[in-house]
């Protein structure tokens, strides 16, 4: 049964768009997942400006998980990694006590490209928040998959559906790419207390209601089934909650003081440099951008178009501004402040 529905908020970042899904005012996390962005789709012509790239920036207390449907992104970081990611692959970067990385669109600049993907952040449990930073790349052949003709699934992280991903996780979780043919049904794993399904493409039915691309369906414990009304692409994820987290800019921690320290370290240049990409960096925003995990507020049982419209209206930039205290700003993506 559905708990709530979250509509993505599209934002133009100056060259391409992302759809922010998490965090949201009424739901900060699903299991350990604290951030979820739908990247693109975007068509890049050859010769795009370098200003479209995501320059070096820092993280603490989380793992970034990048997955592409189309295109290529070049990843570099301060532990010496340099890895292009392609469709069906996973880049898993554990920030731990602190890491710096950049993401550049070098293939697009050279020959043009079509970019489409998902980036999530997975918060680390308190006991490993200060672990050593690391990076791992997983090719398509390293990620288990299953195909029953009507439903194809690739498990990107964790354990589910009798599969176990080779990606190293730090708390009970699952994350999968699911492709469904029209008329097919799929049940989310019942053995996790928090679960969600993001409709990347297509449309589905759940609990007698219809949902389309750009909507996140968060389920209550118990049965969670979706039916494809068209050929559909889902990203399903969840796990066990790991406790309250604070998020500001690119930093995640169970401690506000630790985030303040990370901000001071970035200002002072104490984070590591990105090997092969040392000349540029994204400065710390001048305004504070805190996001605090809080218990979700459930939607009414009978939610129609008007209720969804009201929820969407509350998330417009103007509506957020009325509730924001002086000096506050919405969370940024990769150092780019969203309007």
Protein backbone atom coordinates (compact mmCIF):
# COMPACT_ATOMS: atom_id res chain seq x y z
CA UNK A 1 0.00 0.00 0.00
CA UNK A 2 1.20 3.50 -0.83
CA UNK A 3 2.37 5.83 1.91
CA UNK A 4 3.01 8.94 -0.17
CA UNK A 5 3.90 10.16 -3.65
CA UNK A 6 6.65 12.65 -4.49
CA UNK A 7 6.80 14.54 -7.79
CA UNK A 8 10.22 15.48 -9.10
CA UNK A 9 11.08 19.19 -9.28
CA UNK A 10 12.79 20.01 -12.59
CA UNK A 11 15.60 22.52 -12.48
CA UNK A 12 17.73 23.99 -15.28
CA UNK A 13 21.38 23.89 -14.23
CA UNK A 14 22.68 25.87 -17.18
CA UNK A 15 23.20 23.28 -19.89
CA UNK A 16 21.05 20.40 -18.68
CA UNK A 17 18.24 19.65 -16.27
CA UNK A 18 17.87 17.42 -13.24
CA UNK A 19 14.72 16.31 -11.46
CA UNK A 20 15.12 16.50 -7.67
CA UNK A 21 13.16 13.80 -5.85
CA UNK A 22 14.91 13.42 -2.47
CA UNK A 23 15.22 15.10 -0.06
CA UNK A 24 11.66 16.42 0.15
CA UNK A 25 9.98 18.46 2.84
CA UNK A 26 7.82 15.55 3.99
CA UNK A 27 10.26 12.73 3.29
CA UNK A 28 13.99 13.17 3.69
CA UNK A 29 15.10 9.56 3.30
CA UNK A 30 14.02 6.11 2.13
CA UNK A 31 16.15 3.58 4.00
CA UNK A 32 19.69 4.99 3.76
CA UNK A 33 18.94 6.88 0.50
CA UNK A 34 19.07 10.60 1.29
CA UNK A 35 19.35 12.13 -2.19
CA UNK A 36 17.86 11.16 -5.55
CA UNK A 37 18.31 13.12 -8.78
CA UNK A 38 17.03 12.23 -12.25
CA UNK A 39 19.72 13.53 -14.66
CA UNK A 40 18.43 14.69 -18.04
CA UNK A 41 17.52 13.43 -20.51
CA UNK A 42 19.64 15.99 -22.32
CA UNK A 43 21.18 16.25 -25.78
CA UNK A 44 24.64 17.80 -25.82
CA UNK A 45 26.04 19.11 -29.10
CA UNK A 46 29.73 18.69 -29.84
CA UNK A 47 31.80 21.53 -28.42
CA UNK A 48 29.70 22.23 -25.32
CA UNK A 49 31.23 24.74 -22.93
CA UNK A 50 33.27 23.54 -19.95
CA UNK A 51 30.89 25.49 -17.73
CA UNK A 52 28.42 22.61 -18.14
CA UNK A 53 30.85 20.28 -16.33
CA UNK A 54 30.62 19.61 -12.60
CA UNK A 55 33.88 21.03 -11.24
CA UNK A 56 35.73 19.54 -8.23
CA UNK A 57 33.64 19.65 -5.06
CA UNK A 58 33.70 17.82 -1.68
CA UNK A 59 31.56 15.24 0.14
CA UNK A 60 31.52 13.63 3.59
CA UNK A 61 29.41 10.98 5.29
CA UNK A 62 27.85 9.37 2.22
CA UNK A 63 28.34 7.25 -0.87
CA UNK A 64 27.45 8.71 -4.27
CA UNK A 65 25.94 6.16 -6.67
CA UNK A 66 25.83 7.07 -10.36
CA UNK A 67 23.94 5.00 -12.94
CA UNK A 68 23.35 5.88 -16.59
CA UNK A 69 20.71 4.87 -19.13
CA UNK A 70 22.50 6.81 -21.89
CA UNK A 71 25.67 8.81 -22.35
CA UNK A 72 29.04 9.03 -20.64
CA UNK A 73 30.46 10.94 -17.66
CA UNK A 74 34.15 11.09 -16.75
CA UNK A 75 34.73 10.75 -12.99
CA UNK A 76 37.93 11.84 -11.24
CA UNK A 77 38.57 12.06 -7.50
CA UNK A 78 41.12 12.80 -4.79
CA UNK A 79 41.95 9.12 -4.16
CA UNK A 80 43.39 8.94 -7.69
CA UNK A 81 40.44 7.42 -9.57
CA UNK A 82 39.72 8.23 -13.20
CA UNK A 83 36.80 6.30 -14.63
CA UNK A 84 34.34 6.93 -17.43
CA UNK A 85 30.89 5.54 -16.68
CA UNK A 86 28.69 4.13 -19.44
CA UNK A 87 25.07 2.88 -19.58
CA UNK A 88 24.34 -0.03 -17.24
CA UNK A 89 27.42 0.56 -15.09
CA UNK A 90 27.74 1.85 -11.52
CA UNK A 91 30.22 4.32 -10.08
CA UNK A 92 30.17 3.92 -6.28
CA UNK A 93 32.19 6.55 -4.41
CA UNK A 94 32.41 6.38 -0.61
CA UNK A 95 33.15 9.84 0.75
CA UNK A 96 33.62 8.79 4.38
CA UNK A 97 35.76 11.33 6.21
CA UNK A 98 36.13 13.39 3.03
CA UNK A 99 36.68 13.21 -0.71
CA UNK A 100 36.77 15.60 -3.65
CA UNK A 101 35.61 14.67 -7.15
CA UNK A 102 34.63 16.09 -10.51
CA UNK A 103 32.28 14.92 -13.26
CA UNK A 104 33.00 16.10 -16.78
CA UNK A 105 31.26 15.60 -20.09
CA UNK A 106 34.35 14.99 -22.21
CA UNK A 107 32.75 12.65 -24.75
CA UNK A 108 29.93 15.13 -25.31
CA UNK A 109 32.42 17.94 -25.81
CA UNK A 110 34.34 15.91 -28.39
CA UNK A 111 31.48 14.43 -30.42
CA UNK A 112 28.10 15.24 -28.83
CA UNK A 113 26.13 12.93 -26.56
CA UNK A 114 22.71 12.05 -25.16
CA UNK A 115 22.80 12.01 -21.34
CA UNK A 116 20.24 10.29 -19.14
CA UNK A 117 20.72 8.74 -15.73
CA UNK A 118 20.21 8.71 -11.98
CA UNK A 119 22.43 9.84 -9.16
CA UNK A 120 21.68 8.92 -5.56
CA UNK A 121 23.45 9.48 -2.27
CA UNK A 122 23.43 6.74 0.34
CA UNK A 123 24.06 7.96 3.89
CA UNK A 124 26.62 5.95 5.82
CA UNK A 125 25.83 4.43 9.23
CA UNK A 126 27.20 6.45 12.13
CA UNK A 127 29.95 3.93 12.89
CA UNK A 128 31.46 4.26 9.39
CA UNK A 129 30.76 7.92 8.62
CA UNK A 130 34.49 8.65 9.05
CA UNK A 131 35.74 5.67 7.06
CA UNK A 132 38.54 6.11 4.53
CA UNK A 133 37.29 7.45 1.19
CA UNK A 134 37.24 5.01 -1.71
CA UNK A 135 35.94 4.48 -5.22
CA UNK A 136 34.68 1.40 -7.06
CA UNK A 137 33.40 0.89 -10.60
CA UNK A 138 31.11 -2.00 -11.50
CA UNK A 139 30.62 -3.00 -15.12
CA UNK A 140 27.40 -4.45 -16.49
CA UNK A 141 28.77 -7.99 -16.35
CA UNK A 142 29.54 -7.59 -12.63
CA UNK A 143 25.96 -6.70 -11.70
CA UNK A 144 23.49 -9.61 -11.39
CA UNK A 145 20.33 -9.56 -13.46
CA UNK A 146 17.24 -11.67 -14.05
CA UNK A 147 14.80 -11.76 -16.98
CA UNK A 148 11.40 -13.46 -17.10
CA UNK A 149 10.54 -11.92 -20.51
CA UNK A 150 7.99 -9.43 -19.17
CA UNK A 151 10.17 -8.05 -16.35
CA UNK A 152 13.94 -7.57 -16.58
CA UNK A 153 15.89 -6.49 -13.50
CA UNK A 154 19.50 -5.52 -12.77
CA UNK A 155 20.46 -5.37 -9.08
CA UNK A 156 22.83 -2.44 -8.54
CA UNK A 157 23.34 -2.75 -4.78
CA UNK A 158 22.37 -4.90 -1.83
CA UNK A 159 20.29 -8.08 -1.81
CA UNK A 160 16.85 -8.77 -3.28
CA UNK A 161 14.97 -11.24 -5.49
CA UNK A 162 17.47 -13.99 -4.69
CA UNK A 163 20.33 -11.87 -6.05
CA UNK A 164 23.28 -10.17 -4.35
CA UNK A 165 25.16 -7.29 -5.89
CA UNK A 166 28.93 -7.12 -5.78
CA UNK A 167 28.77 -3.45 -4.76
CA UNK A 168 29.86 -3.02 -1.15
CA UNK A 169 27.12 -1.55 1.05
CA UNK A 170 27.30 -0.53 4.70
CA UNK A 171 23.71 -1.15 5.82
CA UNK A 172 20.77 -3.35 4.72
CA UNK A 173 19.64 -1.98 1.37
CA UNK A 174 18.58 -2.74 -2.19
CA UNK A 175 18.72 -0.74 -5.42
CA UNK A 176 17.66 -2.03 -8.84
CA UNK A 177 16.90 -1.00 -12.42
CA UNK A 178 13.67 -2.63 -13.63
CA UNK A 179 12.34 -2.72 -17.20
CA UNK A 180 8.71 -3.85 -17.54
CA UNK A 181 6.64 -4.62 -20.62
CA UNK A 182 3.11 -3.32 -20.84
CA UNK A 183 0.78 -5.39 -18.65
CA UNK A 184 3.58 -6.84 -16.48
CA UNK A 185 3.45 -6.65 -12.68
CA UNK A 186 6.32 -6.42 -10.22
CA UNK A 187 6.41 -6.74 -6.44
CA UNK A 188 9.00 -4.89 -4.39
CA UNK A 189 10.94 -7.01 -1.87
CA UNK A 190 8.85 -7.42 1.31
CA UNK A 191 11.75 -7.86 3.72
CA UNK A 192 12.75 -4.17 3.96
CA UNK A 193 10.85 -1.69 6.09
CA UNK A 194 11.27 1.25 3.70
CA UNK A 195 10.81 0.88 -0.07
CA UNK A 196 10.15 3.12 -3.04
CA UNK A 197 9.75 2.91 -6.81
CA UNK A 198 10.69 5.81 -9.10
CA UNK A 199 9.04 5.92 -12.52
CA UNK A 200 11.86 7.01 -14.84
CA UNK A 201 9.92 6.31 -18.06
CA UNK A 202 6.43 5.08 -18.81
CA UNK A 203 3.44 4.75 -16.52
CA UNK A 204 2.27 2.32 -13.84
CA UNK A 205 -0.72 1.51 -11.69
CA UNK A 206 -0.46 1.05 -7.92
CA UNK A 207 -3.27 0.92 -5.37
CA UNK A 208 -5.77 1.60 -8.15
CA UNK A 209 -4.11 4.88 -9.15
CA UNK A 210 -2.06 5.81 -12.21
CA UNK A 211 1.43 7.31 -12.02
CA UNK A 212 3.81 8.47 -14.74
CA UNK A 213 7.42 9.45 -15.34
CA UNK A 214 8.98 11.66 -12.68
CA UNK A 215 6.98 10.35 -9.72
CA UNK A 216 8.34 8.48 -6.70
CA UNK A 217 6.00 6.01 -5.01
CA UNK A 218 6.86 5.39 -1.36
CA UNK A 219 5.23 2.28 0.10
CA UNK A 220 4.14 1.27 3.57
CA UNK A 221 5.40 -2.05 5.01
CA UNK A 222 3.57 -4.97 3.46
CA UNK A 223 2.62 -5.72 -0.12
CA UNK A 224 3.94 -3.29 -2.74
CA UNK A 225 2.97 -4.13 -6.33
CA UNK A 226 3.11 -2.04 -9.50
CA UNK A 227 1.62 -2.84 -12.90
CA UNK A 228 3.04 -1.40 -16.12
CA UNK A 229 0.47 0.42 -18.24
CA UNK A 230 3.10 1.05 -20.94
CA UNK A 231 6.64 -0.20 -21.42
CA UNK A 232 8.16 1.21 -18.25
CA UNK A 233 11.52 1.84 -16.60
CA UNK A 234 11.62 1.86 -12.79
CA UNK A 235 14.36 2.48 -10.26
CA UNK A 236 13.40 0.67 -7.06
CA UNK A 237 15.28 1.16 -3.80
CA UNK A 238 15.08 1.11 -0.04
CA UNK A 239 16.41 -0.55 3.07
CA UNK A 240 16.48 -0.08 6.80
CA UNK A 241 16.54 3.42 8.35
CA UNK A 242 19.88 4.48 9.82
CA UNK A 243 18.73 7.40 11.96
CA UNK A 244 18.54 11.16 11.65
CA UNK A 245 20.90 12.87 9.21
CA UNK A 246 21.73 16.48 8.46
CA UNK A 247 22.45 17.53 4.88
CA UNK A 248 23.97 20.82 3.83
CA UNK A 249 25.35 21.50 0.36
CA UNK A 250 27.30 18.29 -0.47
CA UNK A 251 27.82 17.21 3.14
CA UNK A 252 25.84 14.58 5.06
CA UNK A 253 26.37 13.73 8.73
CA UNK A 254 24.69 12.66 11.95
CA UNK A 255 26.36 15.72 13.52
CA UNK A 256 25.80 19.40 12.73
CA UNK A 257 29.23 20.16 14.16
CA UNK A 258 30.85 17.74 11.70
CA UNK A 259 29.22 19.56 8.80
CA UNK A 260 30.54 22.88 10.11
CA UNK A 261 34.01 21.36 10.27
CA UNK A 262 33.72 20.11 6.68
CA UNK A 263 32.69 23.57 5.52
CA UNK A 264 35.70 25.10 7.28
CA UNK A 265 38.00 22.46 5.77
CA UNK A 266 36.75 23.17 2.25
CA UNK A 267 37.16 26.92 2.69
CA UNK A 268 40.70 26.40 3.97
CA UNK A 269 41.66 24.00 1.17
CA UNK A 270 42.19 21.03 3.48
CA UNK A 271 40.34 18.51 1.29
CA UNK A 272 42.40 16.48 -1.15
CA UNK A 273 42.88 17.64 -4.73
CA UNK A 274 41.42 15.79 -7.70
CA UNK A 275 44.22 14.09 -9.59
CA UNK A 276 44.33 15.47 -13.11
CA UNK A 277 41.73 18.16 -12.33
CA UNK A 278 43.44 20.42 -9.79
CA UNK A 279 42.94 23.84 -11.36
CA UNK A 280 39.23 24.42 -10.70
CA UNK A 281 36.86 23.97 -7.78
CA UNK A 282 33.36 24.96 -6.66
CA UNK A 283 33.46 27.41 -3.75
CA UNK A 284 31.32 26.88 -0.70
CA UNK A 285 27.98 28.72 -1.04
CA UNK A 286 27.83 31.81 1.13
CA UNK A 287 24.41 30.96 2.55
CA UNK A 288 23.63 27.97 4.74
CA UNK A 289 21.59 25.23 3.07
CA UNK A 290 20.55 22.82 5.86
CA UNK A 291 18.22 19.89 5.27
CA UNK A 292 17.22 17.88 8.35
CA UNK A 293 15.72 14.39 8.28
CA UNK A 294 12.28 14.29 9.83
CA UNK A 295 9.48 11.71 10.03
CA UNK A 296 7.32 11.54 6.88
CA UNK A 297 3.84 12.96 6.78
CA UNK A 298 1.42 10.54 5.17
CA UNK A 299 -0.88 11.57 2.37
CA UNK A 300 -4.63 11.35 2.92
CA UNK A 301 -6.19 8.05 1.95
CA UNK A 302 -8.20 9.67 -0.82
CA UNK A 303 -5.75 11.80 -2.74
CA UNK A 304 -6.98 13.22 -6.01
CA UNK A 305 -5.58 15.65 -8.52
CA UNK A 306 -6.31 18.63 -6.26
CA UNK A 307 -4.32 17.17 -3.36
CA UNK A 308 -1.37 16.40 -5.61
CA UNK A 309 -1.58 19.91 -7.05
CA UNK A 310 -1.50 21.39 -3.55
CA UNK A 311 1.57 19.34 -2.65
CA UNK A 312 3.31 20.41 -5.87
CA UNK A 313 2.42 24.05 -5.28
CA UNK A 314 4.00 23.91 -1.84
CA UNK A 315 7.25 22.89 -3.48
CA UNK A 316 7.41 25.76 -5.96
CA UNK A 317 10.35 28.14 -5.43
CA UNK A 318 8.01 30.91 -4.23
CA UNK A 319 6.30 28.64 -1.73
CA UNK A 320 9.62 27.48 -0.33
CA UNK A 321 10.76 31.05 0.02
CA UNK A 322 7.82 31.96 2.23
CA UNK A 323 8.72 29.24 4.71
CA UNK A 324 12.47 29.77 4.62
CA UNK A 325 14.09 31.72 7.40
CA UNK A 326 16.41 34.61 6.42
CA UNK A 327 19.76 33.41 5.14
CA UNK A 328 18.42 30.01 4.04
CA UNK A 329 18.51 28.59 0.54
CA UNK A 330 17.49 25.32 -1.09
CA UNK A 331 20.00 22.53 -1.27
CA UNK A 332 22.42 22.69 -4.20
CA UNK A 333 23.24 19.94 -6.68
CA UNK A 334 26.97 19.47 -7.07
CA UNK A 335 27.57 22.97 -5.82
CA UNK A 336 25.04 24.56 -8.19
CA UNK A 337 22.35 26.33 -6.18
CA UNK A 338 18.89 25.43 -7.36
CA UNK A 339 16.42 28.28 -7.72
